[in-house]
Amino acid sequence: MGVYSLRILHIGDMAGSAAITSNICNKLGFPSHVVQDLNIDTFRHGDYYENTTYLNTREAVYEWVKTNQNDYDYFVYHDQIELAERLDDLHKPSAYMFHGNMLRKARIQYDIVCSLESIDDIFVTTEDLLKYAPEAKLFYRPVDMDLFCRDEDHPQKMIGLCLTQDRYRKEIKELLRDTDTGVLIVDRVKNKIPYGNMPKLLRSYAFYYDVKYIPNHPPEIIEELSQTALQALACGCAVWSCGKWYDKFPREHDDEESAKQFINDITE
């Protein structure tokens, strides 16, 4: 299988990583597509990039992959352990990508993935997950740099924005009670913002407060920068996370750089 003929199918999508990676891989000459059921990626990044087949159920995804398997050289499973197990007998070279809380809450999933014959590469999307998946490679979550970029002419409020869920509002208010700037706390589940509108929203605020939790009891703060925080940095916002301020976008999360590293990792 030649590197330049590699056709990649992403199965599932978490927080848009599959759709964004597929988009830039297509531009780099690696034909890519995403297939997923309607229960994940509620913000439907694939609609923006027009590179995703949406199906009603996971069973429908399973049947679709079996039917279309010969159109692809390589599968990438995004937190889709059941499908990875069921499709293992296709013997298709594959990677498995852990995206966060599923591995944090069920660490046995790493052992299951390691036992699958078709899985050649395992990735995690944040550094803290490496302690649960010691042989995994770090995948740098991509930010579309054509979409998320600075606009010096865009009017900006000198207050902060925090996108979260209402169930964490009390904890966040307590955490941010000593901040020097006002903070607008918005429930991103009740107030869904289309992916294509996110840059305009983030550019409207000088600061982004990045607070995210593992849904334990009590909730446990995640220290890694979220995808939204990375997007905010790309748009020129200062980002607060776990008591630290960030003002520079980490270039390894540039979508082109991330995709090139990913292709190198799965073809070396």
Protein backbone atom coordinates (compact mmCIF):
# COMPACT_ATOMS: atom_id res chain seq x y z
CA MET A 1 0.00 0.00 0.00
CA GLY A 2 1.70 3.17 -1.19
CA VAL A 3 1.63 6.27 0.99
CA TYR A 4 0.20 8.42 -1.80
CA SER A 5 -2.71 6.06 -2.50
CA LEU A 6 -3.86 5.81 1.11
CA ARG A 7 -7.64 6.19 1.28
CA ILE A 8 -8.81 6.77 4.85
CA LEU A 9 -12.21 6.12 6.42
CA HIS A 10 -12.90 7.69 9.81
CA ILE A 11 -15.53 5.74 11.75
CA GLY A 12 -17.24 7.99 14.28
CA ASP A 13 -16.38 11.55 15.15
CA MET A 14 -15.73 13.13 18.54
CA ALA A 15 -15.67 16.93 18.78
CA GLY A 16 -15.10 17.18 15.04
CA SER A 17 -11.55 15.79 14.95
CA ALA A 18 -12.47 13.26 12.24
CA ALA A 19 -14.19 15.77 9.96
CA ILE A 20 -11.42 18.37 10.36
CA THR A 21 -8.68 15.78 9.75
CA SER A 22 -10.55 14.35 6.78
CA ASN A 23 -10.89 17.83 5.31
CA ILE A 24 -7.18 18.64 5.46
CA CYS A 25 -6.12 15.13 4.41
CA ASN A 26 -8.21 15.51 1.25
CA LYS A 27 -6.36 18.76 0.52
CA LEU A 28 -3.02 16.99 1.09
CA GLY A 29 -3.89 14.24 -1.40
CA PHE A 30 -5.14 11.51 0.92
CA PRO A 31 -8.80 10.81 0.03
CA SER A 32 -10.73 10.71 3.31
CA HIS A 33 -14.30 10.39 4.47
CA VAL A 34 -16.23 10.10 7.75
CA VAL A 35 -19.15 7.83 8.60
CA GLN A 36 -21.01 8.10 11.89
CA ASP A 37 -24.34 7.64 13.61
CA LEU A 38 -26.46 10.54 14.80
CA ASN A 39 -25.68 10.05 18.51
CA ILE A 40 -22.23 11.64 18.37
CA ASP A 41 -20.78 15.00 17.26
CA THR A 42 -23.95 16.92 18.04
CA PHE A 43 -22.43 20.02 16.44
CA ARG A 44 -22.20 18.15 13.11
CA HIS A 45 -18.81 19.35 11.86
CA GLY A 46 -19.32 17.07 8.86
CA ASP A 47 -22.14 19.31 7.62
CA TYR A 48 -19.72 22.23 7.44
CA TYR A 49 -17.05 20.23 5.57
CA GLU A 50 -19.52 18.14 3.55
CA ASN A 51 -17.36 15.05 4.11
CA THR A 52 -19.52 12.91 6.40
CA THR A 53 -22.13 10.22 5.87
CA TYR A 54 -24.68 10.35 8.71
CA LEU A 55 -26.67 7.21 9.50
CA ASN A 56 -29.42 6.69 12.04
CA THR A 57 -27.89 3.87 14.07
CA ARG A 58 -24.59 2.23 14.88
CA GLU A 59 -25.86 -0.93 13.22
CA ALA A 60 -26.37 1.05 10.02
CA VAL A 61 -22.77 2.30 10.27
CA TYR A 62 -21.58 -1.30 10.65
CA GLU A 63 -23.45 -2.39 7.51
CA TRP A 64 -22.26 0.67 5.56
CA VAL A 65 -18.62 0.00 6.40
CA LYS A 66 -18.91 -3.66 5.38
CA THR A 67 -20.52 -2.66 2.08
CA ASN A 68 -17.99 0.08 1.27
CA GLN A 69 -14.83 -1.42 2.77
CA ASN A 70 -13.07 -1.86 -0.57
CA ASP A 71 -13.19 1.88 -1.21
CA TYR A 72 -10.71 2.45 1.63
CA ASP A 73 -7.24 1.29 2.57
CA TYR A 74 -7.25 2.31 6.22
CA PHE A 75 -9.83 2.71 8.98
CA VAL A 76 -9.65 5.08 11.96
CA TYR A 77 -12.04 4.32 14.84
CA HIS A 78 -12.90 7.31 17.02
CA ASP A 79 -14.01 5.97 20.43
CA GLN A 80 -15.99 3.25 18.64
CA ILE A 81 -14.89 0.14 20.50
CA GLU A 82 -17.96 -1.95 19.67
CA LEU A 83 -17.56 -1.31 15.94
CA ALA A 84 -13.81 -1.93 16.10
CA GLU A 85 -14.48 -5.34 17.67
CA ARG A 86 -17.21 -6.30 15.22
CA LEU A 87 -15.26 -5.16 12.15
CA ASP A 88 -11.97 -6.71 13.23
CA ASP A 89 -12.61 -9.76 11.04
CA LEU A 90 -12.35 -7.55 7.92
CA HIS A 91 -8.58 -7.46 8.58
CA LYS A 92 -8.40 -3.85 7.41
CA PRO A 93 -5.29 -1.96 8.61
CA SER A 94 -6.64 0.40 11.25
CA ALA A 95 -5.98 2.88 14.01
CA TYR A 96 -7.97 3.47 17.18
CA MET A 97 -8.27 6.94 18.71
CA PHE A 98 -9.24 7.56 22.34
CA HIS A 99 -10.73 11.02 22.83
CA GLY A 100 -11.26 11.42 26.54
CA ASN A 101 -13.79 10.40 29.15
CA MET A 102 -14.58 6.96 27.72
CA LEU A 103 -11.02 5.83 28.44
CA ARG A 104 -10.79 7.75 31.72
CA LYS A 105 -13.90 5.96 33.01
CA ALA A 106 -13.30 2.51 31.47
CA ARG A 107 -9.57 1.85 31.29
CA ILE A 108 -10.10 -1.75 30.23
CA GLN A 109 -10.93 -0.40 26.78
CA TYR A 110 -7.21 0.02 26.10
CA ASP A 111 -6.59 -3.69 26.70
CA ILE A 112 -9.50 -4.60 24.45
CA VAL A 113 -8.18 -2.42 21.62
CA CYS A 114 -4.68 -3.86 22.01
CA SER A 115 -6.12 -7.36 21.53
CA LEU A 116 -7.67 -6.55 18.14
CA GLU A 117 -5.78 -8.04 15.18
CA SER A 118 -6.44 -5.17 12.77
CA ILE A 119 -5.35 -2.30 15.03
CA ASP A 120 -1.86 -1.18 14.03
CA ASP A 121 -1.80 2.21 15.73
CA ILE A 122 -3.39 3.63 18.88
CA PHE A 123 -3.74 7.36 19.52
CA VAL A 124 -4.89 9.54 22.39
CA THR A 125 -5.93 13.16 21.99
CA THR A 126 -4.65 14.58 25.29
CA GLU A 127 -1.44 13.93 27.18
CA ASP A 128 -3.17 12.85 30.39
CA LEU A 129 -4.60 9.81 28.54
CA LEU A 130 -1.10 8.41 27.96
CA LYS A 131 -1.08 7.10 31.54
CA TYR A 132 -4.03 4.87 30.60
CA ALA A 133 -2.65 3.93 27.16
CA PRO A 134 1.13 3.73 27.59
CA GLU A 135 1.90 2.52 24.05
CA ALA A 136 -0.31 5.10 22.34
CA LYS A 137 0.84 8.04 20.25
CA LEU A 138 -0.35 11.57 20.90
CA PHE A 139 -2.69 12.94 18.24
CA TYR A 140 -2.74 16.72 18.14
CA ARG A 141 -6.38 17.76 17.86
CA PRO A 142 -6.55 19.87 14.70
CA VAL A 143 -7.82 23.43 14.44
CA ASP A 144 -8.88 24.64 11.00
CA MET A 145 -6.56 27.61 10.58
CA ASP A 146 -8.46 28.97 7.58
CA LEU A 147 -11.61 29.20 9.69
CA PHE A 148 -10.22 30.06 13.13
CA CYS A 149 -7.97 33.07 12.66
CA ARG A 150 -7.57 36.61 13.90
CA ASP A 151 -9.74 39.47 12.63
CA GLU A 152 -8.36 42.74 13.95
CA ASP A 153 -11.43 44.63 12.71
CA HIS A 154 -13.93 42.49 14.61
CA PRO A 155 -15.40 44.34 17.64
CA GLN A 156 -14.36 42.72 20.92
CA LYS A 157 -15.93 42.88 24.37
CA MET A 158 -13.36 43.21 27.17
CA ILE A 159 -14.96 40.41 29.17
CA GLY A 160 -14.60 36.65 29.26
CA LEU A 161 -16.66 33.83 27.77
CA CYS A 162 -17.07 30.34 29.21
CA LEU A 163 -18.93 27.66 27.26
CA THR A 164 -20.02 24.83 29.52
CA GLN A 165 -23.12 22.98 30.74
CA ASP A 166 -25.66 24.30 33.23
CA ARG A 167 -24.97 21.41 35.61
CA TYR A 168 -21.48 22.87 36.21
CA ARG A 169 -22.57 26.53 36.58
CA LYS A 170 -22.30 26.54 40.39
CA GLU A 171 -18.78 25.06 40.36
CA ILE A 172 -17.64 27.45 37.65
CA LYS A 173 -18.99 30.53 39.42
CA GLU A 174 -17.12 29.51 42.55
CA LEU A 175 -13.95 28.80 40.58
CA LEU A 176 -14.04 32.15 38.77
CA ARG A 177 -15.37 34.35 41.59
CA ASP A 178 -12.05 36.23 41.98
CA THR A 179 -11.47 36.95 38.29
CA ASP A 180 -10.68 40.53 37.33
CA THR A 181 -12.99 40.53 34.31
CA GLY A 182 -16.66 39.74 33.94
CA VAL A 183 -17.41 36.28 32.60
CA LEU A 184 -20.41 35.28 30.52
CA ILE A 185 -21.25 31.63 31.27
CA VAL A 186 -23.21 29.97 28.45
CA ASP A 187 -24.71 26.49 28.37
CA ARG A 188 -23.44 25.16 25.03
CA VAL A 189 -25.93 22.28 25.06
CA LYS A 190 -29.05 24.46 25.35
CA ASN A 191 -27.52 27.17 23.15
CA LYS A 192 -25.97 25.20 20.32
CA ILE A 193 -23.70 27.32 18.19
CA PRO A 194 -23.16 26.09 14.62
CA TYR A 195 -19.53 25.16 14.08
CA GLY A 196 -19.14 27.69 11.28
CA ASN A 197 -20.25 30.50 13.62
CA MET A 198 -17.76 29.70 16.37
CA PRO A 199 -14.94 31.98 15.10
CA LYS A 200 -17.23 35.04 15.12
CA LEU A 201 -18.36 34.22 18.66
CA LEU A 202 -14.85 33.67 20.02
CA ARG A 203 -13.49 36.83 18.38
CA SER A 204 -16.20 38.82 20.17
CA TYR A 205 -14.57 38.29 23.58
CA ALA A 206 -11.12 39.25 24.79
CA PHE A 207 -10.84 36.22 27.08
CA TYR A 208 -11.94 32.62 27.06
CA TYR A 209 -12.27 30.73 30.35
CA ASP A 210 -11.67 27.05 29.69
CA VAL A 211 -13.31 24.94 32.40
CA LYS A 212 -14.22 21.32 31.67
CA TYR A 213 -14.97 18.34 33.86
CA ILE A 214 -14.93 14.58 34.00
CA PRO A 215 -18.56 13.84 34.98
CA ASN A 216 -17.71 12.15 38.27
CA HIS A 217 -19.27 12.88 41.67
CA PRO A 218 -18.01 15.42 42.53
CA PRO A 219 -16.93 16.62 39.03
CA GLU A 220 -13.20 16.41 38.38
CA ILE A 221 -11.49 19.20 36.43
CA ILE A 222 -9.65 18.26 33.23
CA GLU A 223 -6.36 20.17 32.98
CA GLU A 224 -5.77 19.78 29.24
CA LEU A 225 -6.82 22.66 26.98
CA SER A 226 -10.13 21.92 25.29
CA GLN A 227 -10.76 22.10 21.56
CA THR A 228 -12.65 25.36 22.09
CA ALA A 229 -9.70 26.83 23.99
CA LEU A 230 -7.38 25.97 21.09
CA GLN A 231 -9.83 27.60 18.67
CA ALA A 232 -9.99 30.70 20.89
CA LEU A 233 -6.20 31.00 20.88
CA ALA A 234 -6.19 30.74 17.09
CA CYS A 235 -8.71 33.62 17.01
CA GLY A 236 -6.47 35.79 19.20
CA CYS A 237 -8.22 35.41 22.57
CA ALA A 238 -6.32 35.03 25.79
CA VAL A 239 -7.27 31.73 27.44
CA TRP A 240 -7.50 30.97 31.16
CA SER A 241 -7.33 27.30 32.18
CA CYS A 242 -6.66 25.79 35.62
CA GLY A 243 -5.21 29.00 37.00
CA LYS A 244 -2.90 29.67 34.04
CA TRP A 245 -3.13 32.16 31.19
CA TYR A 246 -2.24 31.24 27.60
CA ASP A 247 -1.81 33.69 24.73
CA LYS A 248 -0.01 31.72 22.02
CA PHE A 249 -1.56 29.11 19.76
CA PRO A 250 0.43 25.82 19.89
CA ARG A 251 1.41 25.28 16.25
CA GLU A 252 1.31 21.48 16.54
CA HIS A 253 -2.50 21.85 16.53
CA ASP A 254 -2.49 23.61 13.16
CA ASP A 255 -4.70 21.31 11.05
CA GLU A 256 -2.08 20.86 8.33
CA GLU A 257 0.72 20.13 10.81
CA SER A 258 -1.50 17.73 12.75
CA ALA A 259 -2.57 15.87 9.60
CA LYS A 260 1.00 15.55 8.31
CA GLN A 261 2.11 14.08 11.64
CA PHE A 262 -0.87 11.73 11.65
CA ILE A 263 -0.14 10.48 8.11
CA ASN A 264 3.50 9.99 9.05
CA ASP A 265 2.53 8.01 12.14
CA ILE A 266 0.23 5.59 10.29
CA THR A 267 2.55 5.06 7.31
CA GLU A 268 5.96 4.75 8.97
